[in-house]
Amino acid sequence: MTTTLIDLTTVARDDRELRIALAGELDFHTAGQVGPSLRAVAACGHPRLVLDLRGLTFCDSAGIDLLTRLDRHCRAGGTRLLLSGVPPLVVKSIRVLAADRHLSFVVS
């Protein structure tokens, strides 16, 4: 039996943005699971991709690396990646790793 440690759900979609919620643990193992799906939705041509992270219970450096790589992927395709509902401990980790220089946050 396999236990899912992360859940990826489409919350809203219109011509301007695609909103995706991540819930669970974003770590080395789960980043590899959701990375391809996130890159695929980023390539769908929406001007904005908003990741709602309020459901994250854990995020390590591999998860933050996934977010920074996804940001680069989005920018290359003309999509703006925005993070919303980022838990305080994840914000702290993002700042410690200096990833906040590249990642954009939005209040929603």
Protein backbone atom coordinates (compact mmCIF):
# COMPACT_ATOMS: atom_id res chain seq x y z
CA MET A 1 0.00 0.00 0.00
CA THR A 2 1.31 3.46 -0.96
CA THR A 3 0.62 6.52 1.13
CA THR A 4 0.27 9.84 -0.68
CA LEU A 5 2.21 12.53 1.15
CA ILE A 6 1.22 15.39 -1.17
CA ASP A 7 -1.95 16.35 -2.96
CA LEU A 8 -2.15 18.59 -6.03
CA THR A 9 -5.60 20.05 -6.78
CA THR A 10 -6.83 22.54 -9.38
CA VAL A 11 -8.78 25.16 -7.44
CA ALA A 12 -9.77 27.65 -10.15
CA ARG A 13 -9.08 28.28 -13.80
CA ASP A 14 -9.99 31.12 -16.15
CA ASP A 15 -8.36 32.98 -19.05
CA ARG A 16 -6.09 34.96 -16.71
CA GLU A 17 -4.90 32.44 -14.16
CA LEU A 18 -4.71 28.88 -13.01
CA ARG A 19 -4.85 28.32 -9.25
CA ILE A 20 -3.40 25.08 -7.84
CA ALA A 21 -3.41 23.97 -4.19
CA LEU A 22 -0.65 21.84 -2.72
CA ALA A 23 -1.33 20.01 0.53
CA GLY A 24 0.86 17.67 2.55
CA GLU A 25 4.63 17.31 2.61
CA LEU A 26 6.78 18.84 -0.13
CA ASP A 27 10.15 17.13 0.16
CA PHE A 28 12.71 15.27 -1.94
CA HIS A 29 10.36 12.36 -2.64
CA THR A 30 7.14 14.27 -3.28
CA ALA A 31 8.80 17.07 -5.28
CA GLY A 32 9.73 14.39 -7.80
CA GLN A 33 6.12 13.24 -7.87
CA VAL A 34 4.46 16.63 -8.41
CA GLY A 35 7.21 18.36 -10.39
CA PRO A 36 6.20 16.97 -13.81
CA SER A 37 2.53 17.84 -13.22
CA LEU A 38 3.40 21.39 -12.15
CA ARG A 39 5.63 21.89 -15.19
CA ALA A 40 2.84 20.57 -17.43
CA VAL A 41 0.24 22.98 -16.03
CA ALA A 42 2.75 25.83 -16.26
CA ALA A 43 3.03 25.12 -19.99
CA CYS A 44 -0.74 25.48 -20.55
CA GLY A 45 -0.42 29.15 -21.48
CA HIS A 46 -2.08 30.87 -18.53
CA PRO A 47 -0.57 34.30 -17.83
CA ARG A 48 -0.48 33.51 -14.09
CA LEU A 49 -0.01 30.31 -12.13
CA VAL A 50 -0.91 30.71 -8.46
CA LEU A 51 0.21 27.99 -6.06
CA ASP A 52 -1.79 27.96 -2.85
CA LEU A 53 0.57 26.46 -0.26
CA ARG A 54 -1.55 26.90 2.89
CA GLY A 55 -2.06 23.13 3.04
CA LEU A 56 1.66 22.33 3.26
CA THR A 57 2.61 20.67 6.52
CA PHE A 58 6.32 20.37 5.63
CA CYS A 59 8.68 21.72 2.98
CA ASP A 60 12.40 21.00 2.79
CA SER A 61 15.11 22.40 0.53
CA ALA A 62 14.13 20.02 -2.28
CA GLY A 63 10.61 21.46 -2.20
CA ILE A 64 11.94 25.01 -2.31
CA ASP A 65 14.27 24.03 -5.13
CA LEU A 66 11.25 22.71 -7.03
CA LEU A 67 9.51 26.07 -6.56
CA THR A 68 12.51 28.03 -7.83
CA ARG A 69 12.95 25.72 -10.83
CA LEU A 70 9.22 25.99 -11.56
CA ASP A 71 9.53 29.78 -11.40
CA ARG A 72 12.31 29.71 -14.02
CA HIS A 73 10.25 27.33 -16.17
CA CYS A 74 7.23 29.64 -15.90
CA ARG A 75 9.22 32.75 -16.78
CA ALA A 76 10.71 31.04 -19.83
CA GLY A 77 7.18 30.26 -21.04
CA GLY A 78 5.73 33.69 -20.33
CA THR A 79 3.82 32.67 -17.19
CA ARG A 80 4.12 34.44 -13.84
CA LEU A 81 4.34 32.13 -10.83
CA LEU A 82 2.84 33.45 -7.60
CA LEU A 83 2.82 31.74 -4.21
CA SER A 84 -0.09 32.30 -1.84
CA GLY A 85 -0.90 31.12 1.66
CA VAL A 86 2.71 30.22 2.35
CA PRO A 87 3.07 28.88 5.92
CA PRO A 88 5.41 30.97 8.13
CA LEU A 89 8.01 28.20 8.52
CA VAL A 90 8.14 27.75 4.75
CA VAL A 91 8.58 31.52 4.29
CA LYS A 92 11.46 31.38 6.79
CA SER A 93 13.11 28.51 4.88
CA ILE A 94 12.65 30.35 1.58
CA ARG A 95 14.37 33.40 3.07
CA VAL A 96 17.21 31.39 4.62
CA LEU A 97 17.90 29.83 1.21
CA ALA A 98 17.61 33.29 -0.44
CA ALA A 99 14.94 31.94 -2.79
CA ASP A 100 12.78 34.97 -1.98
CA ARG A 101 14.94 36.93 -4.43
CA HIS A 102 13.24 34.99 -7.24
CA LEU A 103 9.89 33.85 -5.90
CA SER A 104 6.86 36.15 -5.79
CA PHE A 105 4.21 36.07 -3.08
CA VAL A 106 0.59 37.20 -3.26
CA VAL A 107 -2.00 37.63 -0.53
CA SER A 108 -5.25 35.87 -1.30
